[in-house]
Amino acid sequence: MLIARLIAEPDHLSARIDAARADMEQRGVRLAEASMLDFCGQTMQIESPDSDALAMRASLDAHFEVTDGLVCESEPQVPALFISDMDSTMIGQECIDELADFAGLKDRIADITERAMQGELDFEQALRERVGLLEGLSVEAIDQCLAGRIQPMPGSKVMVQTLKKLGCRTVLVTGGFHHFADPVAEWLGFEEVVGNRLEVADRKLTGGLVGGIVDSSVKKGTLLSIMAELAEGATSLATGDGANDIPMLEAATYGIAYHAKPKARAAANGWINRGDLTSVLRLLGIPEKDWVRD
């Protein structure tokens, strides 16, 4: 069985469902039912007795334009674990790029970041190269960058706090740095943080890192190790936007690519291309009356 949920204007969804239905059937996916979910506003649920999720996803991508969506094998539920990337997912910036601006190196470092996010460069090599360029930058620059440039992504706090209230364990796992991730986690309500550590001497960056590198394998491994501690049948949610997030997105029950690079979006079974992070709550079927708003 397959269940897809799509968020868009109701007129857009209803106008295109017949063409999508015909396309799905040509791909071997029968459409049993398509209806709007009243409790989730602007959300259509599509059900199929078949199991080819890739074929269903291809039809949805072909016939519906900018949407938020999720394709899964059963009715979505509140996950037991939520694990998320930080930069350009939970916050609107790439921290290392903003930090590089203080060193007059933003354009050079941002280009390396973008190529790494697209999956064109080895993550660890790209990370060490960028950190090395920051040698001599003061810790005060990190504090200034955090205070003046780093902003939570719209809907991020509502999403994290709502999931936590509903019993979900929340973990921020980032290829970025604890100098940024620890305060961000506190802002948003994450309970745990996994990230890289910048080496500091005499209150200046040395251009090196302390300890192991948090890369794609660590992100996936963190998800799997926590899930192994939970009860059988527990579900997981992961959000991310770049190539470094792909293994984690693929390993999660609900892997949702947030305004993501093409490779990450293709690897995930959920996507946010239209709204903010509260769309994740809608896709999971959590009504607005249960959202936590400060």
Protein backbone atom coordinates (compact mmCIF):
# COMPACT_ATOMS: atom_id res chain seq x y z
CA MET A 1 0.00 0.00 0.00
CA LEU A 2 1.13 3.56 -0.74
CA ILE A 3 -0.05 6.82 0.76
CA ALA A 4 0.96 10.17 -0.70
CA ARG A 5 0.19 13.56 0.77
CA LEU A 6 0.51 16.76 -1.24
CA ILE A 7 0.20 20.34 -0.04
CA ALA A 8 -0.74 23.02 -2.57
CA GLU A 9 -3.69 25.18 -3.48
CA PRO A 10 -6.78 22.92 -3.58
CA ASP A 11 -7.69 24.13 -7.08
CA HIS A 12 -4.24 23.17 -8.34
CA LEU A 13 -4.52 19.69 -6.82
CA SER A 14 -8.05 18.97 -8.04
CA ALA A 15 -7.32 20.25 -11.56
CA ARG A 16 -4.41 17.86 -12.06
CA ILE A 17 -5.41 14.70 -10.26
CA ASP A 18 -7.12 13.08 -13.28
CA ALA A 19 -4.01 13.41 -15.44
CA ALA A 20 -1.85 12.15 -12.58
CA ARG A 21 -4.18 9.18 -12.09
CA ALA A 22 -3.87 8.17 -15.75
CA ASP A 23 -0.09 8.51 -15.63
CA MET A 24 0.15 6.43 -12.45
CA GLU A 25 -1.91 3.65 -13.99
CA GLN A 26 0.38 3.60 -17.03
CA ARG A 27 3.28 3.15 -14.62
CA GLY A 28 1.51 0.30 -12.82
CA VAL A 29 0.26 2.24 -9.80
CA ARG A 30 -3.50 2.16 -9.32
CA LEU A 31 -5.11 5.12 -7.58
CA ALA A 32 -7.71 3.90 -5.11
CA GLU A 33 -8.71 7.22 -3.58
CA ALA A 34 -7.81 10.90 -3.63
CA SER A 35 -9.38 13.28 -1.12
CA MET A 36 -8.66 16.50 0.76
CA LEU A 37 -7.80 16.18 4.44
CA ASP A 38 -9.93 18.71 6.29
CA PHE A 39 -7.74 18.66 9.41
CA CYS A 40 -4.60 19.55 7.44
CA GLY A 41 -5.81 22.36 5.11
CA GLN A 42 -4.64 22.37 1.48
CA THR A 43 -3.53 18.75 1.83
CA MET A 44 -4.61 15.98 -0.51
CA GLN A 45 -4.17 12.31 0.38
CA ILE A 46 -3.73 9.81 -2.43
CA GLU A 47 -3.95 6.09 -1.73
CA SER A 48 -2.87 3.13 -3.85
CA PRO A 49 -2.98 -0.63 -3.20
CA ASP A 50 0.32 -0.98 -5.06
CA SER A 51 3.88 -0.62 -3.80
CA ASP A 52 6.02 1.12 -6.45
CA ALA A 53 6.81 4.35 -4.59
CA LEU A 54 9.26 5.53 -7.24
CA ALA A 55 6.62 5.27 -9.96
CA MET A 56 4.10 7.17 -7.85
CA ARG A 57 6.67 9.85 -7.07
CA ALA A 58 7.54 10.22 -10.76
CA SER A 59 3.88 10.82 -11.59
CA LEU A 60 3.47 13.36 -8.81
CA ASP A 61 6.56 15.25 -9.93
CA ALA A 62 5.37 15.21 -13.54
CA HIS A 63 1.85 16.51 -12.91
CA PHE A 64 2.02 18.75 -9.86
CA GLU A 65 4.19 21.83 -9.78
CA VAL A 66 5.54 23.45 -6.62
CA THR A 67 4.22 21.33 -3.76
CA ASP A 68 5.17 19.90 -0.41
CA GLY A 69 4.74 16.14 -0.30
CA LEU A 70 5.41 12.75 1.23
CA VAL A 71 5.11 9.22 -0.17
CA CYS A 72 5.15 6.36 2.32
CA GLU A 73 3.93 2.80 2.80
CA SER A 74 1.37 3.41 5.53
CA GLU A 75 -0.55 6.19 7.23
CA PRO A 76 2.02 8.76 8.47
CA GLN A 77 2.37 9.01 12.23
CA VAL A 78 4.24 11.07 14.80
CA PRO A 79 7.83 9.74 14.74
CA ALA A 80 9.70 8.54 17.79
CA LEU A 81 12.86 10.26 16.55
CA PHE A 82 13.39 13.52 14.69
CA ILE A 83 16.93 14.12 13.45
CA SER A 84 17.88 17.12 11.36
CA ASP A 85 20.65 18.88 9.52
CA MET A 86 21.24 22.49 10.62
CA ASP A 87 22.60 24.80 7.91
CA SER A 88 19.99 25.77 5.29
CA THR A 89 17.52 23.42 6.99
CA MET A 90 16.91 24.52 10.58
CA ILE A 91 18.59 27.87 10.01
CA GLY A 92 18.57 29.97 6.86
CA GLN A 93 22.34 30.30 6.50
CA GLU A 94 25.50 28.28 5.92
CA CYS A 95 27.46 29.19 9.05
CA ILE A 96 30.90 28.68 7.57
CA ASP A 97 30.06 31.00 4.66
CA GLU A 98 28.87 33.73 6.99
CA LEU A 99 31.93 33.27 9.19
CA ALA A 100 34.14 33.50 6.10
CA ASP A 101 32.68 36.93 5.38
CA PHE A 102 34.40 38.20 8.53
CA ALA A 103 37.69 36.98 7.05
CA GLY A 104 36.99 38.51 3.63
CA LEU A 105 36.78 35.06 2.06
CA LYS A 106 33.04 34.51 1.60
CA ASP A 107 32.99 34.13 -2.18
CA ARG A 108 35.86 31.66 -2.17
CA ILE A 109 34.50 29.56 0.69
CA ALA A 110 30.86 29.74 -0.46
CA ASP A 111 31.83 28.24 -3.81
CA ILE A 112 33.43 25.26 -2.06
CA THR A 113 30.34 24.91 0.17
CA GLU A 114 27.97 24.90 -2.79
CA ARG A 115 29.98 22.27 -4.67
CA ALA A 116 30.09 20.07 -1.55
CA MET A 117 26.32 20.47 -1.06
CA GLN A 118 25.73 19.44 -4.65
CA GLY A 119 27.81 16.29 -4.06
CA GLU A 120 30.63 17.39 -6.38
CA LEU A 121 33.37 17.37 -3.71
CA ASP A 122 34.41 15.01 -0.92
CA PHE A 123 32.78 16.40 2.22
CA GLU A 124 35.71 15.97 4.63
CA GLN A 125 38.24 17.37 2.20
CA ALA A 126 36.02 20.37 1.47
CA LEU A 127 35.40 20.97 5.18
CA ARG A 128 39.07 20.87 6.14
CA GLU A 129 39.96 23.16 3.24
CA ARG A 130 37.40 25.76 4.28
CA VAL A 131 38.29 25.61 7.98
CA GLY A 132 41.95 25.98 7.11
CA LEU A 133 41.20 29.25 5.33
CA LEU A 134 39.76 30.64 8.58
CA GLU A 135 43.03 30.36 10.51
CA GLY A 136 43.57 33.39 12.74
CA LEU A 137 39.93 34.44 12.93
CA SER A 138 38.94 35.45 16.45
CA VAL A 139 36.33 33.68 18.57
CA GLU A 140 34.64 37.09 18.90
CA ALA A 141 33.90 36.91 15.17
CA ILE A 142 31.97 33.69 15.78
CA ASP A 143 29.93 35.40 18.50
CA GLN A 144 29.22 38.38 16.25
CA CYS A 145 28.25 36.12 13.36
CA LEU A 146 25.91 34.10 15.54
CA ALA A 147 24.23 37.18 16.99
CA GLY A 148 23.96 39.19 13.79
CA ARG A 149 23.54 36.76 10.92
CA ILE A 150 22.15 33.41 12.00
CA GLN A 151 18.37 33.16 11.89
CA PRO A 152 16.08 30.15 12.44
CA MET A 153 14.27 28.88 9.38
CA PRO A 154 10.56 29.83 9.35
CA GLY A 155 8.51 27.24 11.20
CA SER A 156 11.54 25.51 12.72
CA LYS A 157 10.78 26.23 16.36
CA VAL A 158 7.09 25.34 16.01
CA MET A 159 8.06 22.08 14.35
CA VAL A 160 10.67 21.05 16.93
CA GLN A 161 8.63 22.06 19.95
CA THR A 162 5.50 20.35 18.63
CA LEU A 163 7.26 17.08 17.92
CA LYS A 164 8.94 17.19 21.32
CA LYS A 165 5.60 17.79 23.06
CA LEU A 166 4.21 14.74 21.28
CA GLY A 167 6.99 12.54 22.68
CA CYS A 168 9.51 12.67 19.85
CA ARG A 169 13.24 12.63 20.64
CA THR A 170 14.93 15.56 18.86
CA VAL A 171 18.54 15.54 17.63
CA LEU A 172 20.43 18.20 15.65
CA VAL A 173 23.22 16.59 13.64
CA THR A 174 25.41 18.86 11.55
CA GLY A 175 28.53 18.93 9.46
CA GLY A 176 28.88 22.43 10.90
CA PHE A 177 30.23 23.42 14.28
CA HIS A 178 29.25 23.20 17.93
CA HIS A 179 30.02 26.93 18.28
CA PHE A 180 26.86 27.51 16.24
CA ALA A 181 24.88 24.31 16.73
CA ASP A 182 24.71 24.42 20.52
CA PRO A 183 23.03 27.86 20.64
CA VAL A 184 20.76 26.97 17.70
CA ALA A 185 19.66 23.79 19.46
CA GLU A 186 18.85 25.81 22.57
CA TRP A 187 16.84 28.36 20.54
CA LEU A 188 14.76 25.73 18.82
CA GLY A 189 14.45 23.08 21.52
CA PHE A 190 16.63 20.21 20.28
CA GLU A 191 17.63 17.87 23.09
CA GLU A 192 20.90 16.60 21.61
CA VAL A 193 23.59 17.94 19.27
CA VAL A 194 26.13 16.11 17.12
CA GLY A 195 28.61 18.34 15.26
CA ASN A 196 32.21 19.25 14.48
CA ARG A 197 34.51 21.19 16.81
CA LEU A 198 36.70 24.06 15.69
CA GLU A 199 40.16 24.11 17.25
CA VAL A 200 40.84 27.32 19.18
CA ALA A 201 44.09 28.63 20.68
CA ASP A 202 44.49 32.03 22.34
CA ARG A 203 40.89 32.78 21.35
CA LYS A 204 41.66 32.39 17.65
CA LEU A 205 40.87 29.63 15.18
CA THR A 206 43.90 27.51 14.35
CA GLY A 207 42.49 26.36 11.02
CA GLY A 208 42.02 22.84 12.36
CA LEU A 209 39.32 20.65 13.86
CA VAL A 210 39.20 18.67 17.10
CA GLY A 211 38.06 15.04 16.98
CA GLY A 212 36.33 13.09 14.25
CA ILE A 213 34.41 14.56 11.34
CA VAL A 214 30.61 14.54 11.26
CA ASP A 215 29.92 13.52 7.68
CA SER A 216 27.12 11.68 5.90
CA SER A 217 28.03 8.34 7.48
CA VAL A 218 27.92 9.83 11.00
CA LYS A 219 24.53 11.41 10.31
CA LYS A 220 23.11 8.09 9.16
CA GLY A 221 24.86 6.21 11.96
CA THR A 222 23.42 8.54 14.57
CA LEU A 223 19.90 7.88 13.28
CA LEU A 224 20.39 4.11 13.19
CA SER A 225 22.01 3.89 16.63
CA ILE A 226 19.18 5.83 18.28
CA MET A 227 16.52 3.82 16.47
CA ALA A 228 18.15 0.63 17.77
CA GLU A 229 17.44 1.88 21.31
CA LEU A 230 13.75 2.47 20.62
CA ALA A 231 10.83 0.07 20.63
CA GLU A 232 10.23 -2.21 17.67
CA GLY A 233 8.08 -0.51 15.05
CA ALA A 234 9.19 3.01 16.00
CA THR A 235 9.38 5.49 13.13
CA SER A 236 11.90 8.21 12.36
CA LEU A 237 11.89 11.58 10.63
CA ALA A 238 14.92 13.25 9.08
CA THR A 239 15.21 16.63 7.37
CA GLY A 240 18.09 17.97 5.30
CA ASP A 241 18.95 19.78 2.10
CA GLY A 242 22.30 18.65 0.71
CA ALA A 243 24.27 15.67 -0.56
CA ASN A 244 25.74 15.12 2.91
CA ASP A 245 22.21 14.40 4.18
CA ILE A 246 21.28 11.75 1.62
CA PRO A 247 22.16 8.57 3.60
CA MET A 248 20.27 9.93 6.63
CA LEU A 249 17.24 10.85 4.51
CA GLU A 250 17.22 7.42 2.90
CA ALA A 251 17.50 5.63 6.25
CA ALA A 252 14.60 7.50 7.88
CA THR A 253 11.00 6.35 7.74
CA TYR A 254 10.15 9.85 6.59
CA GLY A 255 13.12 11.52 4.90
CA ILE A 256 12.07 15.05 3.97
CA ALA A 257 14.25 17.25 1.76
CA TYR A 258 13.77 20.91 2.66
CA HIS A 259 14.13 23.32 -0.32
CA ALA A 260 16.91 20.94 -1.21
CA LYS A 261 19.58 20.37 -3.81
CA PRO A 262 18.37 18.08 -6.64
CA LYS A 263 20.25 14.98 -5.47
CA ALA A 264 18.90 15.26 -1.93
CA ARG A 265 15.36 15.85 -3.13
CA ALA A 266 15.52 12.80 -5.42
CA ALA A 267 16.79 10.59 -2.58
CA ALA A 268 14.09 11.56 -0.08
CA ASN A 269 10.53 10.25 0.11
CA GLY A 270 9.29 13.66 1.24
CA TRP A 271 9.96 17.19 0.04
CA ILE A 272 9.21 20.79 1.02
CA ASN A 273 9.42 23.06 -2.03
CA ARG A 274 6.53 25.40 -1.27
CA GLY A 275 6.06 26.15 2.41
CA ASP A 276 8.04 26.40 5.61
CA LEU A 277 8.91 23.69 8.12
CA THR A 278 5.38 23.56 9.54
CA SER A 279 4.49 21.74 6.30
CA VAL A 280 6.23 18.73 7.83
CA LEU A 281 3.65 18.73 10.62
CA ARG A 282 0.82 18.86 8.07
CA LEU A 283 2.31 15.97 6.09
CA LEU A 284 2.46 13.90 9.27
CA GLY A 285 -1.19 14.70 9.95
CA ILE A 286 -0.65 16.85 13.06
CA PRO A 287 -3.48 19.43 13.16
CA GLU A 288 -2.72 23.07 13.90
CA LYS A 289 -4.58 22.93 17.22
CA ASP A 290 -1.80 20.68 18.50
CA TRP A 291 1.08 22.88 17.36
CA VAL A 292 3.24 24.58 20.00
CA ARG A 293 3.50 28.31 19.36
CA ASP A 294 5.46 30.60 21.68
